[in-house]
Amino acid sequence: MGFDITFDPGLNATGYCAAQNRKVIECANIYPASDCVTEFAKLRSIMIKTHGVISVLAEKYGPLERAGVEKWQTYYIPKSRLHTMDICADVRGILLGVCLQYTGFVIDINKESRTKDEAQQHADRLGIKAPKDARDALHLAICEGFVR
């Protein structure tokens, strides 16, 4: 038996939620190393740390079975600068690439119009104290059925 994981991509904080048997086993953020100044250095750091998170979870809970990464929400497009969208695409690409090294089941998750308030409500209901980006990853896990 293995585990599932979802990611809320971000350059300064990438949230993740890992679940086994539809129950949360870990919900936290991945931060780039503090000495990373450039976007490239932050992306590389996120890649290395994501490998580390998945490896540690796999040692403890078995292989990664399914992974999900938040799909870019189309309603953000008019509100976002092109540079911001490029960064988000870079982080998503890294997360997808890392996950594909552990499992062939990697999906885009679209939370549609669900809000951050809903993510907080789900975290409260499950008794999970986690940073905002990790709560968003929890919300994605619930949307996809990885967590009840």
N, C-alpha and C. Protein backbone atom coordinates (compact mmCIF):
# COMPACT_ATOMS: atom_id res chain seq x y z
N MET A 1 0.84 -1.18 0.00
CA MET A 1 0.00 0.00 0.00
C MET A 1 0.89 1.24 0.00
N GLY A 2 0.51 2.24 -0.77
CA GLY A 2 1.30 3.45 -0.88
C GLY A 2 0.52 4.68 -0.43
N PHE A 3 0.85 5.81 -1.02
CA PHE A 3 0.23 7.06 -0.65
C PHE A 3 -0.05 7.91 -1.88
N ASP A 4 -0.89 8.92 -1.70
CA ASP A 4 -1.21 9.90 -2.74
C ASP A 4 -0.71 11.25 -2.27
N ILE A 5 -0.45 12.15 -3.22
CA ILE A 5 0.01 13.49 -2.85
C ILE A 5 -0.55 14.52 -3.83
N THR A 6 -0.89 15.69 -3.31
CA THR A 6 -1.33 16.80 -4.15
C THR A 6 -0.44 18.00 -3.85
N PHE A 7 -0.30 18.86 -4.86
CA PHE A 7 0.55 20.04 -4.74
C PHE A 7 -0.19 21.30 -5.17
N ASP A 8 0.02 22.37 -4.42
CA ASP A 8 -0.41 23.72 -4.78
C ASP A 8 0.87 24.47 -5.11
N PRO A 9 1.20 24.63 -6.42
CA PRO A 9 2.50 25.17 -6.80
C PRO A 9 2.68 26.65 -6.47
N GLY A 10 3.87 26.98 -6.02
CA GLY A 10 4.24 28.37 -5.78
C GLY A 10 5.74 28.48 -5.70
N LEU A 11 6.29 29.60 -6.12
CA LEU A 11 7.73 29.77 -6.12
C LEU A 11 8.26 30.02 -4.71
N ASN A 12 7.52 30.74 -3.89
CA ASN A 12 7.98 31.04 -2.53
C ASN A 12 7.50 30.01 -1.51
N ALA A 13 6.43 29.31 -1.83
CA ALA A 13 5.93 28.23 -0.98
C ALA A 13 5.06 27.32 -1.84
N THR A 14 5.39 26.05 -1.86
CA THR A 14 4.59 25.04 -2.55
C THR A 14 3.95 24.16 -1.49
N GLY A 15 2.61 24.19 -1.45
CA GLY A 15 1.92 23.38 -0.47
C GLY A 15 1.76 21.95 -0.97
N TYR A 16 1.77 21.00 -0.04
CA TYR A 16 1.49 19.62 -0.41
C TYR A 16 0.66 18.95 0.67
N CYS A 17 -0.09 17.96 0.24
CA CYS A 17 -0.90 17.15 1.16
C CYS A 17 -0.75 15.69 0.74
N ALA A 18 -0.25 14.87 1.66
CA ALA A 18 -0.09 13.45 1.40
C ALA A 18 -1.17 12.69 2.17
N ALA A 19 -1.70 11.65 1.53
CA ALA A 19 -2.79 10.88 2.13
C ALA A 19 -2.57 9.39 1.89
N GLN A 20 -3.03 8.60 2.84
CA GLN A 20 -3.03 7.16 2.69
C GLN A 20 -4.39 6.66 3.18
N ASN A 21 -5.01 5.79 2.41
CA ASN A 21 -6.36 5.31 2.74
C ASN A 21 -7.34 6.46 2.95
N ARG A 22 -7.17 7.51 2.13
CA ARG A 22 -8.04 8.69 2.13
C ARG A 22 -7.98 9.48 3.44
N LYS A 23 -6.90 9.30 4.21
CA LYS A 23 -6.68 10.07 5.43
C LYS A 23 -5.36 10.82 5.29
N VAL A 24 -5.35 12.05 5.77
CA VAL A 24 -4.15 12.89 5.67
C VAL A 24 -3.05 12.33 6.56
N ILE A 25 -1.85 12.18 5.97
CA ILE A 25 -0.69 11.73 6.75
C ILE A 25 0.32 12.87 6.93
N GLU A 26 0.27 13.85 6.03
CA GLU A 26 1.16 15.01 6.15
C GLU A 26 0.61 16.13 5.30
N CYS A 27 0.66 17.34 5.83
CA CYS A 27 0.16 18.52 5.12
C CYS A 27 1.09 19.67 5.50
N ALA A 28 1.90 20.12 4.56
CA ALA A 28 2.93 21.12 4.87
C ALA A 28 3.32 21.89 3.62
N ASN A 29 4.28 22.78 3.78
CA ASN A 29 4.82 23.56 2.67
C ASN A 29 6.25 23.17 2.37
N ILE A 30 6.63 23.31 1.12
CA ILE A 30 8.02 23.20 0.69
C ILE A 30 8.47 24.62 0.36
N TYR A 31 9.51 25.08 1.04
CA TYR A 31 10.06 26.41 0.80
C TYR A 31 11.42 26.28 0.12
N PRO A 32 11.72 27.17 -0.83
CA PRO A 32 13.07 27.13 -1.39
C PRO A 32 14.09 27.48 -0.30
N ALA A 33 15.31 27.00 -0.47
CA ALA A 33 16.37 27.29 0.50
C ALA A 33 16.51 28.81 0.67
N SER A 34 16.82 29.22 1.88
CA SER A 34 16.86 30.66 2.19
C SER A 34 17.94 31.42 1.42
N ASP A 35 18.96 30.72 0.94
CA ASP A 35 20.02 31.41 0.20
C ASP A 35 19.73 31.53 -1.30
N CYS A 36 18.55 31.08 -1.72
CA CYS A 36 18.17 31.17 -3.13
C CYS A 36 17.66 32.58 -3.44
N VAL A 37 18.33 33.24 -4.36
CA VAL A 37 17.97 34.61 -4.72
C VAL A 37 17.27 34.65 -6.07
N THR A 38 17.76 33.90 -7.03
CA THR A 38 17.20 33.94 -8.38
C THR A 38 16.02 32.97 -8.49
N GLU A 39 15.19 33.21 -9.49
CA GLU A 39 14.08 32.29 -9.74
C GLU A 39 14.59 30.89 -10.06
N PHE A 40 15.65 30.81 -10.85
CA PHE A 40 16.21 29.51 -11.21
C PHE A 40 16.66 28.75 -9.96
N ALA A 41 17.34 29.44 -9.04
CA ALA A 41 17.81 28.79 -7.81
C ALA A 41 16.63 28.31 -6.97
N LYS A 42 15.57 29.11 -6.91
CA LYS A 42 14.37 28.70 -6.15
C LYS A 42 13.72 27.47 -6.79
N LEU A 43 13.62 27.47 -8.12
CA LEU A 43 13.03 26.32 -8.82
C LEU A 43 13.85 25.05 -8.57
N ARG A 44 15.16 25.17 -8.65
CA ARG A 44 16.03 24.02 -8.40
C ARG A 44 15.87 23.52 -6.96
N SER A 45 15.79 24.44 -6.02
CA SER A 45 15.62 24.07 -4.62
C SER A 45 14.28 23.36 -4.40
N ILE A 46 13.22 23.87 -5.01
CA ILE A 46 11.90 23.22 -4.90
C ILE A 46 11.96 21.81 -5.48
N MET A 47 12.65 21.64 -6.60
CA MET A 47 12.78 20.32 -7.21
C MET A 47 13.49 19.35 -6.25
N ILE A 48 14.60 19.76 -5.69
CA ILE A 48 15.37 18.91 -4.78
C ILE A 48 14.55 18.57 -3.54
N LYS A 49 13.89 19.57 -2.97
CA LYS A 49 13.11 19.34 -1.76
C LYS A 49 11.88 18.48 -2.03
N THR A 50 11.27 18.61 -3.20
CA THR A 50 10.12 17.77 -3.55
C THR A 50 10.56 16.31 -3.65
N HIS A 51 11.71 16.07 -4.28
CA HIS A 51 12.27 14.71 -4.30
C HIS A 51 12.44 14.19 -2.87
N GLY A 52 12.97 15.04 -2.01
CA GLY A 52 13.19 14.64 -0.62
C GLY A 52 11.90 14.29 0.10
N VAL A 53 10.88 15.11 -0.06
CA VAL A 53 9.59 14.86 0.59
C VAL A 53 9.01 13.53 0.11
N ILE A 54 8.98 13.33 -1.20
CA ILE A 54 8.40 12.09 -1.73
C ILE A 54 9.22 10.87 -1.29
N SER A 55 10.53 10.98 -1.29
CA SER A 55 11.38 9.86 -0.87
C SER A 55 11.14 9.49 0.59
N VAL A 56 11.07 10.47 1.46
CA VAL A 56 10.84 10.21 2.89
C VAL A 56 9.46 9.57 3.09
N LEU A 57 8.45 10.12 2.42
CA LEU A 57 7.11 9.55 2.54
C LEU A 57 7.06 8.12 2.00
N ALA A 58 7.77 7.86 0.90
CA ALA A 58 7.79 6.52 0.31
C ALA A 58 8.46 5.51 1.25
N GLU A 59 9.50 5.93 1.94
CA GLU A 59 10.16 5.03 2.90
C GLU A 59 9.21 4.66 4.03
N LYS A 60 8.39 5.61 4.43
CA LYS A 60 7.50 5.40 5.58
C LYS A 60 6.17 4.74 5.21
N TYR A 61 5.62 5.11 4.02
CA TYR A 61 4.25 4.69 3.67
C TYR A 61 4.15 3.82 2.43
N GLY A 62 5.25 3.54 1.78
CA GLY A 62 5.21 2.76 0.55
C GLY A 62 5.25 3.69 -0.65
N PRO A 63 5.16 3.13 -1.85
CA PRO A 63 5.36 3.92 -3.06
C PRO A 63 4.27 4.97 -3.30
N LEU A 64 4.65 6.02 -4.00
CA LEU A 64 3.69 7.03 -4.43
C LEU A 64 2.78 6.39 -5.47
N GLU A 65 1.49 6.39 -5.21
CA GLU A 65 0.53 5.79 -6.14
C GLU A 65 -0.06 6.79 -7.10
N ARG A 66 -0.51 7.93 -6.57
CA ARG A 66 -1.15 8.97 -7.40
C ARG A 66 -0.67 10.33 -6.95
N ALA A 67 -0.51 11.22 -7.93
CA ALA A 67 -0.10 12.59 -7.63
C ALA A 67 -0.99 13.55 -8.41
N GLY A 68 -1.28 14.67 -7.82
CA GLY A 68 -2.07 15.70 -8.48
C GLY A 68 -1.44 17.06 -8.26
N VAL A 69 -1.47 17.87 -9.30
CA VAL A 69 -0.93 19.23 -9.25
C VAL A 69 -2.02 20.18 -9.69
N GLU A 70 -2.17 21.28 -8.95
CA GLU A 70 -3.23 22.22 -9.29
C GLU A 70 -3.06 22.76 -10.70
N LYS A 71 -4.14 22.71 -11.43
CA LYS A 71 -4.18 23.26 -12.79
C LYS A 71 -4.33 24.77 -12.68
N TRP A 72 -3.72 25.49 -13.61
CA TRP A 72 -3.84 26.94 -13.61
C TRP A 72 -5.30 27.33 -13.79
N GLN A 73 -5.79 28.13 -12.89
CA GLN A 73 -7.20 28.53 -12.92
C GLN A 73 -7.40 29.63 -13.96
N THR A 74 -8.28 29.40 -14.92
CA THR A 74 -8.45 30.35 -16.03
C THR A 74 -8.96 31.70 -15.57
N TYR A 75 -9.67 31.75 -14.46
CA TYR A 75 -10.17 33.07 -14.04
C TYR A 75 -9.05 33.95 -13.49
N TYR A 76 -7.86 33.38 -13.21
CA TYR A 76 -6.72 34.20 -12.79
C TYR A 76 -6.05 34.91 -13.95
N ILE A 77 -6.22 34.39 -15.15
CA ILE A 77 -5.47 34.89 -16.30
C ILE A 77 -5.62 36.41 -16.49
N PRO A 78 -6.85 36.96 -16.49
CA PRO A 78 -6.95 38.41 -16.67
C PRO A 78 -6.32 39.21 -15.53
N LYS A 79 -6.17 38.59 -14.35
CA LYS A 79 -5.65 39.30 -13.18
C LYS A 79 -4.14 39.17 -13.05
N SER A 80 -3.51 38.31 -13.82
CA SER A 80 -2.10 37.99 -13.63
C SER A 80 -1.23 38.56 -14.73
N ARG A 81 0.00 38.86 -14.33
CA ARG A 81 1.00 39.28 -15.31
C ARG A 81 1.57 38.04 -15.98
N LEU A 82 2.05 38.22 -17.19
CA LEU A 82 2.63 37.11 -17.94
C LEU A 82 3.79 36.48 -17.18
N HIS A 83 4.60 37.31 -16.54
CA HIS A 83 5.74 36.80 -15.79
C HIS A 83 5.28 35.88 -14.66
N THR A 84 4.22 36.24 -13.96
CA THR A 84 3.67 35.41 -12.88
C THR A 84 3.19 34.08 -13.44
N MET A 85 2.53 34.13 -14.59
CA MET A 85 2.03 32.90 -15.21
C MET A 85 3.19 32.00 -15.63
N ASP A 86 4.27 32.60 -16.13
CA ASP A 86 5.46 31.82 -16.51
C ASP A 86 6.07 31.11 -15.30
N ILE A 87 6.16 31.82 -14.19
CA ILE A 87 6.73 31.23 -12.97
C ILE A 87 5.86 30.06 -12.51
N CYS A 88 4.55 30.27 -12.50
CA CYS A 88 3.63 29.21 -12.08
C CYS A 88 3.79 27.98 -12.99
N ALA A 89 3.91 28.21 -14.28
CA ALA A 89 4.09 27.11 -15.22
C ALA A 89 5.41 26.38 -14.96
N ASP A 90 6.46 27.12 -14.62
CA ASP A 90 7.74 26.50 -14.32
C ASP A 90 7.65 25.61 -13.09
N VAL A 91 7.01 26.10 -12.02
CA VAL A 91 6.87 25.31 -10.80
C VAL A 91 6.02 24.07 -11.08
N ARG A 92 4.92 24.25 -11.80
CA ARG A 92 4.06 23.11 -12.14
C ARG A 92 4.85 22.07 -12.93
N GLY A 93 5.62 22.52 -13.89
CA GLY A 93 6.42 21.61 -14.70
C GLY A 93 7.40 20.81 -13.86
N ILE A 94 8.04 21.46 -12.92
CA ILE A 94 8.98 20.77 -12.04
C ILE A 94 8.25 19.73 -11.20
N LEU A 95 7.11 20.12 -10.63
CA LEU A 95 6.35 19.18 -9.79
C LEU A 95 5.87 17.98 -10.61
N LEU A 96 5.36 18.24 -11.81
CA LEU A 96 4.91 17.14 -12.67
C LEU A 96 6.07 16.22 -13.01
N GLY A 97 7.20 16.80 -13.36
CA GLY A 97 8.38 16.01 -13.72
C GLY A 97 8.88 15.16 -12.56
N VAL A 98 8.93 15.73 -11.38
CA VAL A 98 9.38 14.98 -10.21
C VAL A 98 8.40 13.83 -9.92
N CYS A 99 7.12 14.13 -9.92
CA CYS A 99 6.11 13.10 -9.63
C CYS A 99 6.17 11.96 -10.63
N LEU A 100 6.40 12.28 -11.89
CA LEU A 100 6.46 11.23 -12.92
C LEU A 100 7.64 10.29 -12.72
N GLN A 101 8.61 10.69 -11.94
CA GLN A 101 9.73 9.80 -11.63
C GLN A 101 9.35 8.75 -10.59
N TYR A 102 8.22 8.98 -9.92
CA TYR A 102 7.77 8.07 -8.86
C TYR A 102 6.50 7.30 -9.21
N THR A 103 5.66 7.85 -10.09
CA THR A 103 4.41 7.21 -10.46
C THR A 103 3.99 7.64 -11.86
N GLY A 104 3.27 6.79 -12.54
CA GLY A 104 2.73 7.13 -13.86
C GLY A 104 1.37 7.78 -13.77
N PHE A 105 0.81 7.86 -12.56
CA PHE A 105 -0.51 8.42 -12.37
C PHE A 105 -0.37 9.84 -11.82
N VAL A 106 -0.23 10.80 -12.71
CA VAL A 106 -0.10 12.21 -12.33
C VAL A 106 -1.16 12.99 -13.08
N ILE A 107 -1.96 13.75 -12.35
CA ILE A 107 -3.08 14.46 -12.95
C ILE A 107 -3.07 15.94 -12.61
N ASP A 108 -3.73 16.70 -13.48
CA ASP A 108 -4.04 18.10 -13.19
C ASP A 108 -5.32 18.13 -12.40
N ILE A 109 -5.37 18.93 -11.35
CA ILE A 109 -6.59 19.06 -10.56
C ILE A 109 -7.10 20.48 -10.69
N ASN A 110 -8.36 20.59 -11.05
CA ASN A 110 -9.00 21.89 -11.20
C ASN A 110 -10.00 22.05 -10.07
N LYS A 111 -9.74 23.01 -9.17
CA LYS A 111 -10.68 23.21 -8.07
C LYS A 111 -11.78 24.19 -8.44
N GLU A 112 -11.78 24.60 -9.70
CA GLU A 112 -12.81 25.47 -10.25
C GLU A 112 -12.99 26.72 -9.40
N SER A 113 -14.19 27.01 -8.97
CA SER A 113 -14.44 28.27 -8.26
C SER A 113 -14.41 28.12 -6.75
N ARG A 114 -13.90 27.00 -6.26
CA ARG A 114 -13.82 26.82 -4.82
C ARG A 114 -12.82 27.82 -4.24
N THR A 115 -13.12 28.29 -3.04
CA THR A 115 -12.36 29.40 -2.47
C THR A 115 -11.38 28.95 -1.39
N LYS A 116 -10.50 29.88 -1.00
CA LYS A 116 -9.55 29.64 0.09
C LYS A 116 -10.30 29.44 1.40
N ASP A 117 -11.45 30.10 1.56
CA ASP A 117 -12.25 29.91 2.77
C ASP A 117 -12.70 28.46 2.89
N GLU A 118 -13.06 27.84 1.78
CA GLU A 118 -13.45 26.44 1.79
C GLU A 118 -12.27 25.56 2.22
N ALA A 119 -11.07 25.90 1.76
CA ALA A 119 -9.88 25.15 2.15
C ALA A 119 -9.69 25.23 3.66
N GLN A 120 -9.88 26.41 4.23
CA GLN A 120 -9.75 26.58 5.69
C GLN A 120 -10.82 25.78 6.42
N GLN A 121 -12.04 25.79 5.91
CA GLN A 121 -13.13 25.03 6.54
C GLN A 121 -12.82 23.53 6.55
N HIS A 122 -12.28 23.01 5.43
CA HIS A 122 -11.93 21.59 5.37
C HIS A 122 -10.81 21.27 6.37
N ALA A 123 -9.81 22.14 6.44
CA ALA A 123 -8.71 21.92 7.38
C ALA A 123 -9.23 21.93 8.82
N ASP A 124 -10.12 22.86 9.13
CA ASP A 124 -10.70 22.92 10.48
C ASP A 124 -11.50 21.66 10.78
N ARG A 125 -12.29 21.22 9.82
CA ARG A 125 -13.13 20.03 10.00
C ARG A 125 -12.28 18.79 10.28
N LEU A 126 -11.13 18.71 9.62
CA LEU A 126 -10.24 17.56 9.80
C LEU A 126 -9.24 17.75 10.94
N GLY A 127 -9.27 18.93 11.57
CA GLY A 127 -8.34 19.20 12.66
C GLY A 127 -6.91 19.37 12.23
N ILE A 128 -6.71 19.89 11.01
CA ILE A 128 -5.36 20.03 10.46
C ILE A 128 -4.91 21.48 10.56
N LYS A 129 -3.81 21.68 11.23
CA LYS A 129 -3.18 23.01 11.31
C LYS A 129 -2.06 23.03 10.28
N ALA A 130 -2.22 23.87 9.28
CA ALA A 130 -1.23 23.90 8.20
C ALA A 130 -1.19 25.29 7.60
N PRO A 131 -0.06 25.66 6.98
CA PRO A 131 0.02 26.95 6.29
C PRO A 131 -0.96 27.02 5.12
N LYS A 132 -1.22 28.23 4.65
CA LYS A 132 -2.22 28.48 3.60
C LYS A 132 -2.00 27.61 2.36
N ASP A 133 -0.80 27.53 1.85
CA ASP A 133 -0.56 26.76 0.63
C ASP A 133 -0.79 25.26 0.86
N ALA A 134 -0.45 24.77 2.04
CA ALA A 134 -0.71 23.37 2.36
C ALA A 134 -2.21 23.11 2.47
N ARG A 135 -2.95 24.08 3.04
CA ARG A 135 -4.41 23.94 3.09
C ARG A 135 -5.00 23.87 1.69
N ASP A 136 -4.44 24.66 0.77
CA ASP A 136 -4.90 24.60 -0.61
C ASP A 136 -4.63 23.22 -1.22
N ALA A 137 -3.48 22.64 -0.89
CA ALA A 137 -3.18 21.28 -1.37
C ALA A 137 -4.14 20.27 -0.76
N LEU A 138 -4.50 20.46 0.51
CA LEU A 138 -5.50 19.61 1.14
C LEU A 138 -6.83 19.72 0.40
N HIS A 139 -7.20 20.94 0.06
CA HIS A 139 -8.44 21.19 -0.68
C HIS A 139 -8.42 20.45 -2.02
N LEU A 140 -7.28 20.47 -2.69
CA LEU A 140 -7.14 19.75 -3.96
C LEU A 140 -7.31 18.25 -3.74
N ALA A 141 -6.74 17.74 -2.65
CA ALA A 141 -6.85 16.31 -2.34
C ALA A 141 -8.31 15.93 -2.10
N ILE A 142 -9.05 16.80 -1.45
CA ILE A 142 -10.47 16.54 -1.21
C ILE A 142 -11.24 16.60 -2.52
N CYS A 143 -10.95 17.61 -3.35
CA CYS A 143 -11.63 17.74 -4.65
C CYS A 143 -11.42 16.49 -5.51
N GLU A 144 -10.24 15.90 -5.43
CA GLU A 144 -9.92 14.74 -6.29
C GLU A 144 -10.32 13.41 -5.64
N GLY A 145 -10.72 13.44 -4.39
CA GLY A 145 -11.11 12.22 -3.70
C GLY A 145 -9.97 11.47 -3.05
N PHE A 146 -8.79 12.10 -2.95
CA PHE A 146 -7.66 11.47 -2.27
C PHE A 146 -7.89 11.46 -0.75
N VAL A 147 -8.69 12.42 -0.27
CA VAL A 147 -8.98 12.59 1.16
C VAL A 147 -10.47 12.77 1.31
N ARG A 148 -11.03 12.25 2.41
CA ARG A 148 -12.45 12.49 2.71
C ARG A 148 -12.56 13.51 3.82
